[in-house]
């Protein structure tokens, strides 16, 4: 029997506990009840997993039904098993379910976009910004459209999603954005298996980047929001997948 867990260089990744074939290893972070054997044959085959990847789509047509709590928990649990740099395991989730809180998210995007549009259209700043921030002007038509639709009462930001999951990490996590994106991928595939529609809330995420710390302060969130997933029960289901080009080269 080997006792580990007090070594100075241990980062608690669990590799030793996962690979031990005889369960002879005791780790302070991974007691026996946290180590679960599995059979490889119980896992999806490569063909099954590839089909899941091929059929996964960003579905923005929601029926209006709430997403069951147990589905949300499974989706977040899948995210928690994504890799994190330095085994930080600091990814956490904020679940927005109430209509009033969802409205806060959409209004945050619209207000942020309006502020940025005002700056971009300032005749004194435009020559400078066009030269040094041309990507902002590439996205200006999209921001104008989001704001125009929002002012007409048409929310194309969340598209009637019943839940939004905000994916956060510690403010000081240098790899926080990468860790959140890795978690998102696991979550999106789990949502697909559960028949839950989801899409990456890109307008919300861009507004979060444009107004750093703004949404965290508005919602009282400690940490930094890196990604957002909008979810709902689908109104339309897809029965086909469309082939995509595979671009690669061996170097």
Foldseek 3Di string as FASTA:
>chain_A
DAEDAPDPPDLPPCPVVQPDPPNPYAHPVAHPVNHDDDDPVVDDDPVVVVVLVQQQDQALAFPLDADDPVLVVVLLVLLLPFADVSSPSFKDKDKDADPVVVVVLLVLLLVLLVVVLVQCPDPVCVVVCCVVPVVVVVCNVVSVVQNVCVVVVHHPQQNSFRMKMFIFGAQPRPCTLVSSVRSVVSSSSSCSVVQKHKDWRVSSQVSCVSVPPPVCVVVVHHGGTNTMMGIHHHPDHDDDGDDDDDDDDDD
